[in-house]
PDB file of N, CA and C in Angstrom:
ATOM      1  N   UNK A   1      81.406 113.844 -67.823  1.00  0.00           N
ATOM      2  CA  UNK A   1      81.225 112.679 -67.172  1.00  0.00           C
ATOM      3  C   UNK A   1      80.214 111.546 -67.862  1.00  0.00           C
ATOM      4  N   UNK A   2      80.532 110.546 -67.914  1.00  0.00           N
ATOM      5  CA  UNK A   2      79.676 109.424 -68.645  1.00  0.00           C
ATOM      6  C   UNK A   2      78.825 109.045 -67.834  1.00  0.00           C
ATOM      7  N   UNK A   3      77.603 108.849 -68.484  1.00  0.00           N
ATOM      8  CA  UNK A   3      76.253 108.463 -68.023  1.00  0.00           C
ATOM      9  C   UNK A   3      76.251 106.904 -67.747  1.00  0.00           C
ATOM     10  N   UNK A   4      75.778 106.350 -66.824  1.00  0.00           N
ATOM     11  CA  UNK A   4      75.450 104.948 -66.805  1.00  0.00           C
ATOM     12  C   UNK A   4      74.074 104.693 -66.547  1.00  0.00           C
ATOM     13  N   UNK A   5      73.672 103.515 -67.126  1.00  0.00           N
ATOM     14  CA  UNK A   5      72.287 103.254 -66.890  1.00  0.00           C
ATOM     15  C   UNK A   5      72.211 102.718 -65.532  1.00  0.00           C
ATOM     16  N   UNK A   6      70.748 102.735 -65.001  1.00  0.00           N
ATOM     17  CA  UNK A   6      70.601 102.227 -63.467  1.00  0.00           C
ATOM     18  C   UNK A   6      71.072 100.785 -63.249  1.00  0.00           C
ATOM     19  N   UNK A   7      70.852  99.848 -64.241  1.00  0.00           N
ATOM     20  CA  UNK A   7      71.375  98.440 -63.965  1.00  0.00           C
ATOM     21  C   UNK A   7      72.854  98.378 -63.956  1.00  0.00           C
ATOM     22  N   UNK A   8      73.685  99.072 -64.658  1.00  0.00           N
ATOM     23  CA  UNK A   8      74.954  99.231 -64.385  1.00  0.00           C
ATOM     24  C   UNK A   8      75.629  99.660 -63.074  1.00  0.00           C
ATOM     25  N   UNK A   9      74.761 100.836 -62.849  1.00  0.00           N
ATOM     26  CA  UNK A   9      75.179 101.446 -61.539  1.00  0.00           C
ATOM     27  C   UNK A   9      74.822 100.388 -60.379  1.00  0.00           C
ATOM     28  N   UNK A  10      73.839  99.879 -60.367  1.00  0.00           N
ATOM     29  CA  UNK A  10      73.496  98.625 -59.402  1.00  0.00           C
ATOM     30  C   UNK A  10      74.562  97.702 -59.141  1.00  0.00           C
ATOM     31  N   UNK A  11      75.055  97.273 -60.511  1.00  0.00           N
ATOM     32  CA  UNK A  11      76.141  96.334 -60.506  1.00  0.00           C
ATOM     33  C   UNK A  11      77.552  96.790 -59.952  1.00  0.00           C
ATOM     34  N   UNK A  12      77.639  98.195 -60.213  1.00  0.00           N
ATOM     35  CA  UNK A  12      78.976  98.717 -59.683  1.00  0.00           C
ATOM     36  C   UNK A  12      78.749  98.934 -58.136  1.00  0.00           C
ATOM     37  N   UNK A  13      77.684  99.306 -57.656  1.00  0.00           N
ATOM     38  CA  UNK A  13      77.382  99.254 -56.303  1.00  0.00           C
ATOM     39  C   UNK A  13      77.764  98.022 -55.491  1.00  0.00           C
ATOM     40  N   UNK A  14      77.075  96.879 -56.107  1.00  0.00           N
ATOM     41  CA  UNK A  14      77.262  95.843 -55.511  1.00  0.00           C
ATOM     42  C   UNK A  14      78.668  95.313 -55.425  1.00  0.00           C
ATOM     43  N   UNK A  15      79.371  95.621 -56.517  1.00  0.00           N
ATOM     44  CA  UNK A  15      80.724  95.201 -56.614  1.00  0.00           C
ATOM     45  C   UNK A  15      81.552  95.998 -55.587  1.00  0.00           C
ATOM     46  N   UNK A  16      81.455  97.223 -55.357  1.00  0.00           N
ATOM     47  CA  UNK A  16      82.022  97.888 -54.503  1.00  0.00           C
ATOM     48  C   UNK A  16      81.591  97.610 -52.947  1.00  0.00           C
ATOM     49  N   UNK A  17      80.342  96.983 -52.764  1.00  0.00           N
ATOM     50  CA  UNK A  17      80.007  96.542 -51.375  1.00  0.00           C
ATOM     51  C   UNK A  17      80.706  95.215 -51.047  1.00  0.00           C
ATOM     52  N   UNK A  18      80.937  94.578 -52.115  1.00  0.00           N
ATOM     53  CA  UNK A  18      81.511  93.251 -51.894  1.00  0.00           C
ATOM     54  C   UNK A  18      83.135  93.430 -51.393  1.00  0.00           C
ATOM     55  N   UNK A  19      83.701  94.579 -51.732  1.00  0.00           N
ATOM     56  CA  UNK A  19      84.965  94.827 -51.258  1.00  0.00           C
ATOM     57  C   UNK A  19      85.213  95.116 -49.976  1.00  0.00           C
ATOM     58  N   UNK A  20      84.186  95.673 -49.475  1.00  0.00           N
ATOM     59  CA  UNK A  20      84.116  96.188 -47.923  1.00  0.00           C
ATOM     60  C   UNK A  20      84.368  94.897 -47.042  1.00  0.00           C
ATOM     61  N   UNK A  21      85.182  95.304 -46.044  1.00  0.00           N
ATOM     62  CA  UNK A  21      85.548  94.284 -44.837  1.00  0.00           C
ATOM     63  C   UNK A  21      84.696  94.762 -43.849  1.00  0.00           C
ATOM     64  N   UNK A  22      83.552  93.929 -43.528  1.00  0.00           N
ATOM     65  CA  UNK A  22      82.679  94.255 -42.669  1.00  0.00           C
ATOM     66  C   UNK A  22      83.031  93.673 -41.130  1.00  0.00           C
ATOM     67  N   UNK A  23      82.796  94.463 -40.181  1.00  0.00           N
ATOM     68  CA  UNK A  23      83.264  93.956 -39.060  1.00  0.00           C
ATOM     69  C   UNK A  23      82.388  92.567 -38.389  1.00  0.00           C
ATOM     70  N   UNK A  24      82.935  91.996 -37.590  1.00  0.00           N
ATOM     71  CA  UNK A  24      82.134  90.924 -37.029  1.00  0.00           C
ATOM     72  C   UNK A  24      81.176  91.290 -35.798  1.00  0.00           C
ATOM     73  N   UNK A  25      80.428  90.399 -35.394  1.00  0.00           N
ATOM     74  CA  UNK A  25      79.567  90.898 -34.192  1.00  0.00           C
ATOM     75  C   UNK A  25      80.275  91.190 -33.059  1.00  0.00           C
ATOM     76  N   UNK A  26      81.371  90.247 -32.765  1.00  0.00           N
ATOM     77  CA  UNK A  26      82.215  90.680 -31.494  1.00  0.00           C
ATOM     78  C   UNK A  26      83.161  91.914 -31.562  1.00  0.00           C
ATOM     79  N   UNK A  27      83.459  92.376 -32.832  1.00  0.00           N
ATOM     80  CA  UNK A  27      84.178  93.740 -33.061  1.00  0.00           C
ATOM     81  C   UNK A  27      83.102  94.719 -32.916  1.00  0.00           C
ATOM     82  N   UNK A  28      81.792  94.595 -33.274  1.00  0.00           N
ATOM     83  CA  UNK A  28      80.889  95.783 -33.166  1.00  0.00           C
ATOM     84  C   UNK A  28      80.487  95.920 -31.610  1.00  0.00           C
ATOM     85  N   UNK A  29      80.327  94.834 -30.856  1.00  0.00           N
ATOM     86  CA  UNK A  29      79.998  94.870 -29.352  1.00  0.00           C
ATOM     87  C   UNK A  29      81.015  95.459 -28.738  1.00  0.00           C
ATOM     88  N   UNK A  30      82.186  94.975 -28.902  1.00  0.00           N
ATOM     89  CA  UNK A  30      83.279  95.796 -28.253  1.00  0.00           C
ATOM     90  C   UNK A  30      83.427  97.168 -28.550  1.00  0.00           C
ATOM     91  N   UNK A  31      83.538  97.456 -29.757  1.00  0.00           N
ATOM     92  CA  UNK A  31      83.514  98.857 -30.063  1.00  0.00           C
ATOM     93  C   UNK A  31      82.473  99.854 -29.490  1.00  0.00           C
ATOM     94  N   UNK A  32      81.344  99.184 -29.377  1.00  0.00           N
ATOM     95  CA  UNK A  32      79.978 100.003 -28.971  1.00  0.00           C
ATOM     96  C   UNK A  32      80.293 100.076 -27.514  1.00  0.00           C
ATOM     97  N   UNK A  33      80.605  99.074 -26.616  1.00  0.00           N
ATOM     98  CA  UNK A  33      80.832  99.109 -25.161  1.00  0.00           C
ATOM     99  C   UNK A  33      81.957 100.169 -24.990  1.00  0.00           C
ATOM    100  N   UNK A  34      83.088 100.081 -25.771  1.00  0.00           N
ATOM    101  CA  UNK A  34      84.245 101.094 -25.635  1.00  0.00           C
ATOM    102  C   UNK A  34      83.897 102.604 -25.647  1.00  0.00           C
ATOM    103  N   UNK A  35      82.940 102.744 -26.669  1.00  0.00           N
ATOM    104  CA  UNK A  35      82.366 104.239 -27.077  1.00  0.00           C
ATOM    105  C   UNK A  35      81.345 104.629 -25.935  1.00  0.00           C
ATOM    106  N   UNK A  36      80.574 103.675 -25.312  1.00  0.00           N
ATOM    107  CA  UNK A  36      79.809 103.973 -24.123  1.00  0.00           C
ATOM    108  C   UNK A  36      80.704 104.332 -22.942  1.00  0.00           C
ATOM    109  N   UNK A  37      81.640 103.657 -22.618  1.00  0.00           N
ATOM    110  CA  UNK A  37      82.400 103.751 -21.733  1.00  0.00           C
ATOM    111  C   UNK A  37      83.289 105.382 -21.745  1.00  0.00           C
ATOM    112  N   UNK A  38      83.679 105.475 -22.801  1.00  0.00           N
ATOM    113  CA  UNK A  38      84.505 106.743 -23.132  1.00  0.00           C
ATOM    114  C   UNK A  38      83.502 107.972 -22.899  1.00  0.00           C
ATOM    115  N   UNK A  39      82.130 107.636 -23.514  1.00  0.00           N
ATOM    116  CA  UNK A  39      81.310 108.757 -23.186  1.00  0.00           C
ATOM    117  C   UNK A  39      80.912 109.006 -21.886  1.00  0.00           C
ATOM    118  N   UNK A  40      80.791 107.915 -21.032  1.00  0.00           N
ATOM    119  CA  UNK A  40      80.534 107.880 -19.595  1.00  0.00           C
ATOM    120  C   UNK A  40      81.550 108.605 -18.847  1.00  0.00           C
ATOM    121  N   UNK A  41      82.891 108.238 -19.127  1.00  0.00           N
ATOM    122  CA  UNK A  41      83.990 108.999 -18.480  1.00  0.00           C
ATOM    123  C   UNK A  41      84.193 110.289 -18.916  1.00  0.00           C
ATOM    124  N   UNK A  42      83.887 110.734 -19.907  1.00  0.00           N
ATOM    125  CA  UNK A  42      83.988 112.142 -20.454  1.00  0.00           C
ATOM    126  C   UNK A  42      82.998 112.911 -19.848  1.00  0.00           C
ATOM    127  N   UNK A  43      81.574 112.498 -19.624  1.00  0.00           N
ATOM    128  CA  UNK A  43      80.775 113.098 -18.968  1.00  0.00           C
ATOM    129  C   UNK A  43      80.922 113.304 -17.580  1.00  0.00           C
ATOM    130  N   UNK A  44      81.464 112.310 -16.946  1.00  0.00           N
ATOM    131  CA  UNK A  44      81.907 112.584 -15.443  1.00  0.00           C
ATOM    132  C   UNK A  44      82.937 113.443 -15.333  1.00  0.00           C
ATOM    133  N   UNK A  45      83.949 113.427 -16.149  1.00  0.00           N
ATOM    134  CA  UNK A  45      85.022 114.442 -16.172  1.00  0.00           C
ATOM    135  C   UNK A  45      84.474 115.822 -16.321  1.00  0.00           C
ATOM    136  N   UNK A  46      83.789 116.081 -17.248  1.00  0.00           N
ATOM    137  CA  UNK A  46      83.176 117.466 -17.505  1.00  0.00           C
ATOM    138  C   UNK A  46      82.233 118.034 -16.476  1.00  0.00           C
ATOM    139  N   UNK A  47      81.383 117.203 -15.940  1.00  0.00           N
ATOM    140  CA  UNK A  47      80.658 117.360 -14.872  1.00  0.00           C
ATOM    141  C   UNK A  47      81.363 117.851 -13.692  1.00  0.00           C
ATOM    142  N   UNK A  48      82.584 117.162 -13.402  1.00  0.00           N
ATOM    143  CA  UNK A  48      83.331 117.506 -12.075  1.00  0.00           C
ATOM    144  C   UNK A  48      84.105 118.726 -12.467  1.00  0.00           C
ATOM    145  N   UNK A  49      84.608 119.018 -13.764  1.00  0.00           N
ATOM    146  CA  UNK A  49      85.361 120.137 -13.997  1.00  0.00           C
ATOM    147  C   UNK A  49      84.489 121.331 -13.909  1.00  0.00           C
ATOM    148  N   UNK A  50      83.190 121.358 -14.319  1.00  0.00           N
ATOM    149  CA  UNK A  50      82.115 122.352 -14.337  1.00  0.00           C
ATOM    150  C   UNK A  50      81.883 122.701 -12.836  1.00  0.00           C
ATOM    151  N   UNK A  51      81.754 121.597 -11.872  1.00  0.00           N
ATOM    152  CA  UNK A  51      81.419 121.990 -10.746  1.00  0.00           C
ATOM    153  C   UNK A  51      82.677 122.709  -9.890  1.00  0.00           C
ATOM    154  N   UNK A  52      83.838 122.250 -10.266  1.00  0.00           N
ATOM    155  CA  UNK A  52      84.929 123.000  -9.581  1.00  0.00           C
ATOM    156  C   UNK A  52      85.134 124.396 -10.122  1.00  0.00           C
ATOM    157  N   UNK A  53      84.830 124.688 -11.416  1.00  0.00           N
ATOM    158  CA  UNK A  53      84.775 126.031 -12.069  1.00  0.00           C
ATOM    159  C   UNK A  53      83.688 126.807 -11.483  1.00  0.00           C
ATOM    160  N   UNK A  54      82.465 126.167 -11.340  1.00  0.00           N
ATOM    161  CA  UNK A  54      81.394 127.027 -10.675  1.00  0.00           C
ATOM    162  C   UNK A  54      81.867 127.398  -9.193  1.00  0.00           C
ATOM    163  N   UNK A  55      82.460 126.493  -8.558  1.00  0.00           N
ATOM    164  CA  UNK A  55      82.669 126.779  -7.090  1.00  0.00           C
ATOM    165  C   UNK A  55      83.820 128.016  -7.131  1.00  0.00           C
ATOM    166  N   UNK A  56      84.751 127.848  -7.920  1.00  0.00           N
ATOM    167  CA  UNK A  56      85.714 128.957  -8.103  1.00  0.00           C
ATOM    168  C   UNK A  56      85.118 130.321  -8.318  1.00  0.00           C
ATOM    169  N   UNK A  57      84.317 130.345  -9.329  1.00  0.00           N
ATOM    170  CA  UNK A  57      83.728 131.560  -9.901  1.00  0.00           C
ATOM    171  C   UNK A  57      82.841 132.181  -8.688  1.00  0.00           C
ATOM    172  N   UNK A  58      82.021 131.310  -7.961  1.00  0.00           N
ATOM    173  CA  UNK A  58      81.443 131.717  -7.147  1.00  0.00           C
ATOM    174  C   UNK A  58      82.128 132.426  -5.795  1.00  0.00           C
ATOM    175  N   UNK A  59      83.404 131.756  -5.669  1.00  0.00           N
ATOM    176  CA  UNK A  59      84.223 132.305  -4.671  1.00  0.00           C
ATOM    177  C   UNK A  59      84.887 133.550  -4.970  1.00  0.00           C
ATOM    178  N   UNK A  60      85.219 133.626  -6.118  1.00  0.00           N
ATOM    179  CA  UNK A  60      85.778 134.974  -6.668  1.00  0.00           C
ATOM    180  C   UNK A  60      84.706 136.080  -6.761  1.00  0.00           C
ATOM    181  N   UNK A  61      83.716 135.680  -7.258  1.00  0.00           N
ATOM    182  CA  UNK A  61      82.718 136.873  -7.151  1.00  0.00           C
ATOM    183  C   UNK A  61      81.859 136.858  -5.965  1.00  0.00           C
ATOM    184  N   UNK A  62      82.011 136.136  -5.078  1.00  0.00           N
ATOM    185  CA  UNK A  62      81.303 136.025  -3.874  1.00  0.00           C
ATOM    186  C   UNK A  62      79.734 136.073  -3.770  1.00  0.00           C
ATOM    187  N   UNK A  63      79.340 135.048  -4.943  1.00  0.00           N
ATOM    188  CA  UNK A  63      77.807 135.049  -5.144  1.00  0.00           C
ATOM    189  C   UNK A  63      77.465 133.841  -4.468  1.00  0.00           C
ATOM    190  N   UNK A  64      76.361 133.878  -3.675  1.00  0.00           N
ATOM    191  CA  UNK A  64      75.563 132.747  -3.032  1.00  0.00           C
ATOM    192  C   UNK A  64      76.442 132.188  -1.973  1.00  0.00           C
ATOM    193  N   UNK A  65      77.107 132.985  -1.085  1.00  0.00           N
ATOM    194  CA  UNK A  65      77.613 132.030  -0.054  1.00  0.00           C
ATOM    195  C   UNK A  65      78.380 133.264   0.916  1.00  0.00           C
TER     196      UNK A  65
END
């Protein structure tokens, strides 16, 4: 593997960084809101599924009721 000096390395990093297509502020906000909504819906779904399974297990095992 060829060694590069630090100055050349920084030039290469800067060149690669300029090739990146960065998201706009609007895209970032929309994506963040969508992630938060999906996390909220997933949390509610798994909470409800856990409650139903807990109720079923308690019924089957006759615990607490």
